[in-house]
Each structure stands twice: as C-alpha cells, then as structure tokens.
Amino acid sequence: MIPKDRGTNRKPSFPGAREQTQCRFCRNGVKYIDYKDIETLAKLLTSRGKIYSRKRSGNCAGCQRKAKTAIKRARYMALLPFTA
C-alpha cells in the first residue's frame, strides 16, 4: 500500500525552479571588485593560478565577469601569478 502523502515534500521538477542563492559579492553588496584585494581574489583561483568556473566559485554571471577583470588586472600588476 502506498502512503497518500508520498511526494509532498519534493521540490518542483520543472526547469527554472531551482533554489535561488546569491553569490558572495551580491550578498555583501559589493559593486566593484578591487584588484588590490588579493585575499578575496585568491579564493577564486586554483593552486595552479587558474580562475574557478562560475559553478565552482558560486558567483553570478555579472560578478564572475567583474572578478575575471580584477584578477587579470592583478596579474598584470604582478599581485597575482599567471601560473604557479
């Protein structure tokens, strides 16, 4: 016999119904990602110096683009390595 409340605790299965979360920059209300903030930018890099993907870092699209620009500026200014 199947219980009547089966499936009531499930999340909606249609596309676009996933739980909305904010990235670390949106949560803190950051408008500009500073290239001189090495501690924050280092969290977005692998040990080899590659930039983590959006899926891995948890950033939204806009913040990922801002972070990419900041990392590249920091690399040009020799604050971050190009490779490790």
PDB file of N, CA and C in Angstrom:
ATOM      1  N   MET A   1       0.832  -1.176   0.000  1.00  0.00           N
ATOM      2  CA  MET A   1       0.000   0.000   0.000  1.00  0.00           C
ATOM      3  C   MET A   1       0.883   1.249   0.000  1.00  0.00           C
ATOM      4  N   ILE A   2       0.580   2.214  -0.854  1.00  0.00           N
ATOM      5  CA  ILE A   2       1.365   3.439  -0.998  1.00  0.00           C
ATOM      6  C   ILE A   2       0.791   4.523  -0.083  1.00  0.00           C
ATOM      7  N   PRO A   3       1.641   5.199   0.701  1.00  0.00           N
ATOM      8  CA  PRO A   3       1.118   6.269   1.559  1.00  0.00           C
ATOM      9  C   PRO A   3       0.569   7.424   0.725  1.00  0.00           C
ATOM     10  N   LYS A   4      -0.445   8.105   1.245  1.00  0.00           N
ATOM     11  CA  LYS A   4      -1.109   9.162   0.490  1.00  0.00           C
ATOM     12  C   LYS A   4      -0.288  10.443   0.422  1.00  0.00           C
ATOM     13  N   ASP A   5       0.613  10.662   1.390  1.00  0.00           N
ATOM     14  CA  ASP A   5       1.408  11.892   1.397  1.00  0.00           C
ATOM     15  C   ASP A   5       2.716  11.747   0.627  1.00  0.00           C
ATOM     16  N   ARG A   6       2.807  10.734  -0.194  1.00  0.00           N
ATOM     17  CA  ARG A   6       4.033  10.486  -0.953  1.00  0.00           C
ATOM     18  C   ARG A   6       4.284  11.607  -1.967  1.00  0.00           C
ATOM     19  N   GLY A   7       5.468  12.169  -1.945  1.00  0.00           N
ATOM     20  CA  GLY A   7       5.842  13.180  -2.919  1.00  0.00           C
ATOM     21  C   GLY A   7       5.478  14.600  -2.533  1.00  0.00           C
ATOM     22  N   THR A   8       4.906  14.815  -1.368  1.00  0.00           N
ATOM     23  CA  THR A   8       4.534  16.182  -0.989  1.00  0.00           C
ATOM     24  C   THR A   8       5.731  17.007  -0.560  1.00  0.00           C
ATOM     25  N   ASN A   9       6.804  16.359  -0.164  1.00  0.00           N
ATOM     26  CA  ASN A   9       7.998  17.082   0.278  1.00  0.00           C
ATOM     27  C   ASN A   9       9.003  17.315  -0.843  1.00  0.00           C
ATOM     28  N   ARG A  10       8.662  16.941  -2.046  1.00  0.00           N
ATOM     29  CA  ARG A  10       9.577  17.099  -3.169  1.00  0.00           C
ATOM     30  C   ARG A  10       9.598  18.532  -3.662  1.00  0.00           C
ATOM     31  N   LYS A  11      10.712  18.906  -4.239  1.00  0.00           N
ATOM     32  CA  LYS A  11      10.825  20.212  -4.884  1.00  0.00           C
ATOM     33  C   LYS A  11      10.203  20.139  -6.269  1.00  0.00           C
ATOM     34  N   PRO A  12       9.758  21.260  -6.829  1.00  0.00           N
ATOM     35  CA  PRO A  12       9.209  21.222  -8.193  1.00  0.00           C
ATOM     36  C   PRO A  12      10.255  20.714  -9.182  1.00  0.00           C
ATOM     37  N   SER A  13       9.828  19.892 -10.132  1.00  0.00           N
ATOM     38  CA  SER A  13      10.776  19.264 -11.043  1.00  0.00           C
ATOM     39  C   SER A  13      10.845  19.946 -12.405  1.00  0.00           C
ATOM     40  N   PHE A  14      10.139  21.067 -12.582  1.00  0.00           N
ATOM     41  CA  PHE A  14      10.200  21.728 -13.878  1.00  0.00           C
ATOM     42  C   PHE A  14      11.411  22.646 -13.958  1.00  0.00           C
ATOM     43  N   PRO A  15      11.924  22.916 -15.169  1.00  0.00           N
ATOM     44  CA  PRO A  15      13.140  23.713 -15.322  1.00  0.00           C
ATOM     45  C   PRO A  15      12.957  25.135 -14.790  1.00  0.00           C
ATOM     46  N   GLY A  16      14.005  25.668 -14.237  1.00  0.00           N
ATOM     47  CA  GLY A  16      13.978  27.037 -13.738  1.00  0.00           C
ATOM     48  C   GLY A  16      13.413  27.146 -12.337  1.00  0.00           C
ATOM     49  N   ALA A  17      13.181  26.028 -11.661  1.00  0.00           N
ATOM     50  CA  ALA A  17      12.572  26.063 -10.339  1.00  0.00           C
ATOM     51  C   ALA A  17      13.588  25.777  -9.239  1.00  0.00           C
ATOM     52  N   ARG A  18      14.858  25.977  -9.535  1.00  0.00           N
ATOM     53  CA  ARG A  18      15.849  25.668  -8.508  1.00  0.00           C
ATOM     54  C   ARG A  18      15.914  26.791  -7.485  1.00  0.00           C
ATOM     55  N   GLU A  19      16.459  26.466  -6.354  1.00  0.00           N
ATOM     56  CA  GLU A  19      16.524  27.409  -5.247  1.00  0.00           C
ATOM     57  C   GLU A  19      17.453  28.570  -5.599  1.00  0.00           C
ATOM     58  N   GLN A  20      17.012  29.786  -5.369  1.00  0.00           N
ATOM     59  CA  GLN A  20      17.801  30.968  -5.706  1.00  0.00           C
ATOM     60  C   GLN A  20      18.754  31.290  -4.561  1.00  0.00           C
ATOM     61  N   THR A  21      20.026  31.370  -4.874  1.00  0.00           N
ATOM     62  CA  THR A  21      21.029  31.773  -3.904  1.00  0.00           C
ATOM     63  C   THR A  21      21.828  32.925  -4.509  1.00  0.00           C
ATOM     64  N   GLN A  22      22.445  33.709  -3.652  1.00  0.00           N
ATOM     65  CA  GLN A  22      23.237  34.830  -4.129  1.00  0.00           C
ATOM     66  C   GLN A  22      24.708  34.511  -3.987  1.00  0.00           C
ATOM     67  N   CYS A  23      25.503  35.116  -4.844  1.00  0.00           N
ATOM     68  CA  CYS A  23      26.942  34.902  -4.762  1.00  0.00           C
ATOM     69  C   CYS A  23      27.515  35.723  -3.602  1.00  0.00           C
ATOM     70  N   ARG A  24      28.776  35.494  -3.279  1.00  0.00           N
ATOM     71  CA  ARG A  24      29.380  36.154  -2.119  1.00  0.00           C
ATOM     72  C   ARG A  24      29.459  37.664  -2.291  1.00  0.00           C
ATOM     73  N   PHE A  25      29.590  38.141  -3.504  1.00  0.00           N
ATOM     74  CA  PHE A  25      29.677  39.581  -3.736  1.00  0.00           C
ATOM     75  C   PHE A  25      28.298  40.238  -3.660  1.00  0.00           C
ATOM     76  N   CYS A  26      27.278  39.588  -4.191  1.00  0.00           N
ATOM     77  CA  CYS A  26      25.911  40.123  -4.126  1.00  0.00           C
ATOM     78  C   CYS A  26      25.394  40.125  -2.694  1.00  0.00           C
ATOM     79  N   ARG A  27      25.741  39.100  -1.913  1.00  0.00           N
ATOM     80  CA  ARG A  27      25.314  39.045  -0.509  1.00  0.00           C
ATOM     81  C   ARG A  27      25.856  40.223   0.278  1.00  0.00           C
ATOM     82  N   ASN A  28      27.108  40.599   0.004  1.00  0.00           N
ATOM     83  CA  ASN A  28      27.749  41.687   0.739  1.00  0.00           C
ATOM     84  C   ASN A  28      27.501  43.047   0.112  1.00  0.00           C
ATOM     85  N   GLY A  29      26.813  43.093  -1.013  1.00  0.00           N
ATOM     86  CA  GLY A  29      26.503  44.364  -1.656  1.00  0.00           C
ATOM     87  C   GLY A  29      27.695  45.022  -2.323  1.00  0.00           C
ATOM     88  N   VAL A  30      28.634  44.223  -2.811  1.00  0.00           N
ATOM     89  CA  VAL A  30      29.837  44.751  -3.452  1.00  0.00           C
ATOM     90  C   VAL A  30      29.500  45.196  -4.870  1.00  0.00           C
ATOM     91  N   LYS A  31      29.795  46.455  -5.191  1.00  0.00           N
ATOM     92  CA  LYS A  31      29.541  46.978  -6.537  1.00  0.00           C
ATOM     93  C   LYS A  31      30.784  46.867  -7.419  1.00  0.00           C
ATOM     94  N   TYR A  32      31.970  46.980  -6.802  1.00  0.00           N
ATOM     95  CA  TYR A  32      33.230  46.963  -7.541  1.00  0.00           C
ATOM     96  C   TYR A  32      34.171  45.981  -6.864  1.00  0.00           C
ATOM     97  N   ILE A  33      34.718  45.056  -7.618  1.00  0.00           N
ATOM     98  CA  ILE A  33      35.680  44.102  -7.080  1.00  0.00           C
ATOM     99  C   ILE A  33      37.069  44.677  -7.306  1.00  0.00           C
ATOM    100  N   ASP A  34      37.744  45.000  -6.226  1.00  0.00           N
ATOM    101  CA  ASP A  34      39.027  45.692  -6.298  1.00  0.00           C
ATOM    102  C   ASP A  34      40.150  44.706  -6.630  1.00  0.00           C
ATOM    103  N   TYR A  35      40.996  45.079  -7.574  1.00  0.00           N
ATOM    104  CA  TYR A  35      42.090  44.190  -7.971  1.00  0.00           C
ATOM    105  C   TYR A  35      43.179  44.138  -6.904  1.00  0.00           C
ATOM    106  N   LYS A  36      43.175  45.068  -5.949  1.00  0.00           N
ATOM    107  CA  LYS A  36      44.180  45.084  -4.884  1.00  0.00           C
ATOM    108  C   LYS A  36      43.792  44.207  -3.693  1.00  0.00           C
ATOM    109  N   ASP A  37      42.571  43.683  -3.696  1.00  0.00           N
ATOM    110  CA  ASP A  37      42.102  42.810  -2.620  1.00  0.00           C
ATOM    111  C   ASP A  37      42.519  41.372  -2.927  1.00  0.00           C
ATOM    112  N   ILE A  38      43.768  41.065  -2.636  1.00  0.00           N
ATOM    113  CA  ILE A  38      44.376  39.796  -3.031  1.00  0.00           C
ATOM    114  C   ILE A  38      43.763  38.610  -2.275  1.00  0.00           C
ATOM    115  N   GLU A  39      43.392  38.804  -0.996  1.00  0.00           N
ATOM    116  CA  GLU A  39      42.837  37.699  -0.212  1.00  0.00           C
ATOM    117  C   GLU A  39      41.532  37.188  -0.825  1.00  0.00           C
ATOM    118  N   THR A  40      40.688  38.106  -1.266  1.00  0.00           N
ATOM    119  CA  THR A  40      39.417  37.712  -1.873  1.00  0.00           C
ATOM    120  C   THR A  40      39.634  37.085  -3.239  1.00  0.00           C
ATOM    121  N   LEU A  41      40.522  37.667  -4.035  1.00  0.00           N
ATOM    122  CA  LEU A  41      40.756  37.143  -5.385  1.00  0.00           C
ATOM    123  C   LEU A  41      41.444  35.787  -5.352  1.00  0.00           C
ATOM    124  N   ALA A  42      42.285  35.561  -4.346  1.00  0.00           N
ATOM    125  CA  ALA A  42      42.985  34.282  -4.247  1.00  0.00           C
ATOM    126  C   ALA A  42      42.018  33.127  -3.997  1.00  0.00           C
ATOM    127  N   LYS A  43      40.867  33.402  -3.391  1.00  0.00           N
ATOM    128  CA  LYS A  43      39.866  32.359  -3.157  1.00  0.00           C
ATOM    129  C   LYS A  43      39.195  31.918  -4.451  1.00  0.00           C
ATOM    130  N   LEU A  44      39.316  32.729  -5.496  1.00  0.00           N
ATOM    131  CA  LEU A  44      38.696  32.409  -6.780  1.00  0.00           C
ATOM    132  C   LEU A  44      39.668  31.729  -7.736  1.00  0.00           C
ATOM    133  N   LEU A  45      40.887  31.421  -7.257  1.00  0.00           N
ATOM    134  CA  LEU A  45      41.921  30.801  -8.083  1.00  0.00           C
ATOM    135  C   LEU A  45      42.268  29.413  -7.570  1.00  0.00           C
ATOM    136  N   THR A  46      42.659  28.534  -8.484  1.00  0.00           N
ATOM    137  CA  THR A  46      43.169  27.227  -8.089  1.00  0.00           C
ATOM    138  C   THR A  46      44.606  27.393  -7.590  1.00  0.00           C
ATOM    139  N   SER A  47      45.175  26.310  -7.105  1.00  0.00           N
ATOM    140  CA  SER A  47      46.573  26.376  -6.656  1.00  0.00           C
ATOM    141  C   SER A  47      47.524  26.596  -7.826  1.00  0.00           C
ATOM    142  N   ARG A  48      47.067  26.272  -9.033  1.00  0.00           N
ATOM    143  CA  ARG A  48      47.881  26.492 -10.239  1.00  0.00           C
ATOM    144  C   ARG A  48      47.703  27.888 -10.821  1.00  0.00           C
ATOM    145  N   GLY A  49      46.777  28.674 -10.270  1.00  0.00           N
ATOM    146  CA  GLY A  49      46.578  30.032 -10.746  1.00  0.00           C
ATOM    147  C   GLY A  49      45.448  30.190 -11.744  1.00  0.00           C
ATOM    148  N   LYS A  50      44.678  29.133 -11.985  1.00  0.00           N
ATOM    149  CA  LYS A  50      43.556  29.224 -12.912  1.00  0.00           C
ATOM    150  C   LYS A  50      42.327  29.773 -12.184  1.00  0.00           C
ATOM    151  N   ILE A  51      41.456  30.429 -12.933  1.00  0.00           N
ATOM    152  CA  ILE A  51      40.249  31.001 -12.355  1.00  0.00           C
ATOM    153  C   ILE A  51      39.180  29.906 -12.265  1.00  0.00           C
ATOM    154  N   TYR A  52      38.560  29.779 -11.070  1.00  0.00           N
ATOM    155  CA  TYR A  52      37.481  28.815 -10.907  1.00  0.00           C
ATOM    156  C   TYR A  52      36.283  29.209 -11.765  1.00  0.00           C
ATOM    157  N   SER A  53      35.533  28.215 -12.225  1.00  0.00           N
ATOM    158  CA  SER A  53      34.332  28.471 -13.015  1.00  0.00           C
ATOM    159  C   SER A  53      33.236  29.048 -12.122  1.00  0.00           C
ATOM    160  N   ARG A  54      32.193  29.558 -12.752  1.00  0.00           N
ATOM    161  CA  ARG A  54      31.051  30.093 -12.011  1.00  0.00           C
ATOM    162  C   ARG A  54      30.414  29.024 -11.143  1.00  0.00           C
ATOM    163  N   LYS A  55      30.314  27.838 -11.698  1.00  0.00           N
ATOM    164  CA  LYS A  55      29.679  26.738 -10.967  1.00  0.00           C
ATOM    165  C   LYS A  55      30.482  26.385  -9.721  1.00  0.00           C
ATOM    166  N   ARG A  56      31.775  26.407  -9.830  1.00  0.00           N
ATOM    167  CA  ARG A  56      32.648  26.034  -8.715  1.00  0.00           C
ATOM    168  C   ARG A  56      32.762  27.156  -7.689  1.00  0.00           C
ATOM    169  N   SER A  57      32.850  28.406  -8.151  1.00  0.00           N
ATOM    170  CA  SER A  57      33.016  29.526  -7.230  1.00  0.00           C
ATOM    171  C   SER A  57      31.697  30.010  -6.656  1.00  0.00           C
ATOM    172  N   GLY A  58      30.594  29.756  -7.354  1.00  0.00           N
ATOM    173  CA  GLY A  58      29.292  30.173  -6.862  1.00  0.00           C
ATOM    174  C   GLY A  58      28.946  31.613  -7.190  1.00  0.00           C
ATOM    175  N   ASN A  59      29.673  32.227  -8.105  1.00  0.00           N
ATOM    176  CA  ASN A  59      29.407  33.613  -8.484  1.00  0.00           C
ATOM    177  C   ASN A  59      28.285  33.696  -9.504  1.00  0.00           C
ATOM    178  N   CYS A  60      27.598  34.843  -9.513  1.00  0.00           N
ATOM    179  CA  CYS A  60      26.627  35.094 -10.576  1.00  0.00           C
ATOM    180  C   CYS A  60      27.402  35.555 -11.813  1.00  0.00           C
ATOM    181  N   ALA A  61      26.724  35.682 -12.938  1.00  0.00           N
ATOM    182  CA  ALA A  61      27.408  35.995 -14.195  1.00  0.00           C
ATOM    183  C   ALA A  61      28.088  37.360 -14.153  1.00  0.00           C
ATOM    184  N   GLY A  62      27.396  38.360 -13.633  1.00  0.00           N
ATOM    185  CA  GLY A  62      27.967  39.706 -13.583  1.00  0.00           C
ATOM    186  C   GLY A  62      29.176  39.787 -12.678  1.00  0.00           C
ATOM    187  N   CYS A  63      29.078  39.167 -11.508  1.00  0.00           N
ATOM    188  CA  CYS A  63      30.199  39.193 -10.563  1.00  0.00           C
ATOM    189  C   CYS A  63      31.371  38.356 -11.062  1.00  0.00           C
ATOM    190  N   GLN A  64      31.089  37.294 -11.807  1.00  0.00           N
ATOM    191  CA  GLN A  64      32.171  36.491 -12.372  1.00  0.00           C
ATOM    192  C   GLN A  64      32.958  37.304 -13.395  1.00  0.00           C
ATOM    193  N   ARG A  65      32.266  38.102 -14.199  1.00  0.00           N
ATOM    194  CA  ARG A  65      32.959  38.962 -15.166  1.00  0.00           C
ATOM    195  C   ARG A  65      33.787  40.026 -14.453  1.00  0.00           C
ATOM    196  N   LYS A  66      33.235  40.620 -13.393  1.00  0.00           N
ATOM    197  CA  LYS A  66      33.980  41.626 -12.626  1.00  0.00           C
ATOM    198  C   LYS A  66      35.199  41.000 -11.963  1.00  0.00           C
ATOM    199  N   ALA A  67      35.039  39.789 -11.430  1.00  0.00           N
ATOM    200  CA  ALA A  67      36.153  39.097 -10.783  1.00  0.00           C
ATOM    201  C   ALA A  67      37.230  38.741 -11.799  1.00  0.00           C
ATOM    202  N   LYS A  68      36.806  38.325 -12.988  1.00  0.00           N
ATOM    203  CA  LYS A  68      37.772  37.984 -14.037  1.00  0.00           C
ATOM    204  C   LYS A  68      38.615  39.197 -14.397  1.00  0.00           C
ATOM    205  N   THR A  69      37.967  40.345 -14.559  1.00  0.00           N
ATOM    206  CA  THR A  69      38.684  41.576 -14.884  1.00  0.00           C
ATOM    207  C   THR A  69      39.647  41.956 -13.767  1.00  0.00           C
ATOM    208  N   ALA A  70      39.179  41.835 -12.514  1.00  0.00           N
ATOM    209  CA  ALA A  70      40.027  42.186 -11.368  1.00  0.00           C
ATOM    210  C   ALA A  70      41.232  41.253 -11.269  1.00  0.00           C
ATOM    211  N   ILE A  71      41.035  39.958 -11.522  1.00  0.00           N
ATOM    212  CA  ILE A  71      42.144  39.004 -11.464  1.00  0.00           C
ATOM    213  C   ILE A  71      43.164  39.300 -12.555  1.00  0.00           C
ATOM    214  N   LYS A  72      42.675  39.614 -13.750  1.00  0.00           N
ATOM    215  CA  LYS A  72      43.595  39.911 -14.843  1.00  0.00           C
ATOM    216  C   LYS A  72      44.369  41.197 -14.588  1.00  0.00           C
ATOM    217  N   ARG A  73      43.727  42.190 -13.981  1.00  0.00           N
ATOM    218  CA  ARG A  73      44.438  43.423 -13.620  1.00  0.00           C
ATOM    219  C   ARG A  73      45.488  43.152 -12.551  1.00  0.00           C
ATOM    220  N   ALA A  74      45.130  42.322 -11.565  1.00  0.00           N
ATOM    221  CA  ALA A  74      46.078  41.978 -10.505  1.00  0.00           C
ATOM    222  C   ALA A  74      47.262  41.188 -11.059  1.00  0.00           C
ATOM    223  N   ARG A  75      47.017  40.341 -12.031  1.00  0.00           N
ATOM    224  CA  ARG A  75      48.119  39.613 -12.665  1.00  0.00           C
ATOM    225  C   ARG A  75      49.044  40.566 -13.414  1.00  0.00           C
ATOM    226  N   TYR A  76      48.456  41.526 -14.114  1.00  0.00           N
ATOM    227  CA  TYR A  76      49.254  42.491 -14.869  1.00  0.00           C
ATOM    228  C   TYR A  76      50.103  43.349 -13.936  1.00  0.00           C
ATOM    229  N   MET A  77      49.575  43.656 -12.760  1.00  0.00           N
ATOM    230  CA  MET A  77      50.303  44.470 -11.774  1.00  0.00           C
ATOM    231  C   MET A  77      51.226  43.618 -10.904  1.00  0.00           C
ATOM    232  N   ALA A  78      51.345  42.329 -11.203  1.00  0.00           N
ATOM    233  CA  ALA A  78      52.215  41.372 -10.505  1.00  0.00           C
ATOM    234  C   ALA A  78      51.795  41.158  -9.057  1.00  0.00           C
ATOM    235  N   LEU A  79      50.496  41.285  -8.772  1.00  0.00           N
ATOM    236  CA  LEU A  79      49.995  40.979  -7.443  1.00  0.00           C
ATOM    237  C   LEU A  79      49.566  39.523  -7.341  1.00  0.00           C
ATOM    238  N   LEU A  80      49.191  38.927  -8.465  1.00  0.00           N
ATOM    239  CA  LEU A  80      48.842  37.521  -8.555  1.00  0.00           C
ATOM    240  C   LEU A  80      49.680  36.860  -9.644  1.00  0.00           C
ATOM    241  N   PRO A  81      49.974  35.574  -9.494  1.00  0.00           N
ATOM    242  CA  PRO A  81      50.758  34.905 -10.540  1.00  0.00           C
ATOM    243  C   PRO A  81      49.905  34.516 -11.743  1.00  0.00           C
ATOM    244  N   PHE A  82      50.523  34.480 -12.907  1.00  0.00           N
ATOM    245  CA  PHE A  82      49.846  33.962 -14.088  1.00  0.00           C
ATOM    246  C   PHE A  82      49.749  32.444 -13.981  1.00  0.00           C
ATOM    247  N   THR A  83      50.820  31.806 -13.568  1.00  0.00           N
ATOM    248  CA  THR A  83      50.838  30.361 -13.332  1.00  0.00           C
ATOM    249  C   THR A  83      51.623  30.103 -12.059  1.00  0.00           C
ATOM    250  N   ALA A  84      51.393  28.913 -11.491  1.00  0.00           N
ATOM    251  CA  ALA A  84      52.097  28.584 -10.244  1.00  0.00           C
ATOM    252  C   ALA A  84      53.095  27.476 -10.479  1.00  0.00           C
TER     253      ALA A  84
END
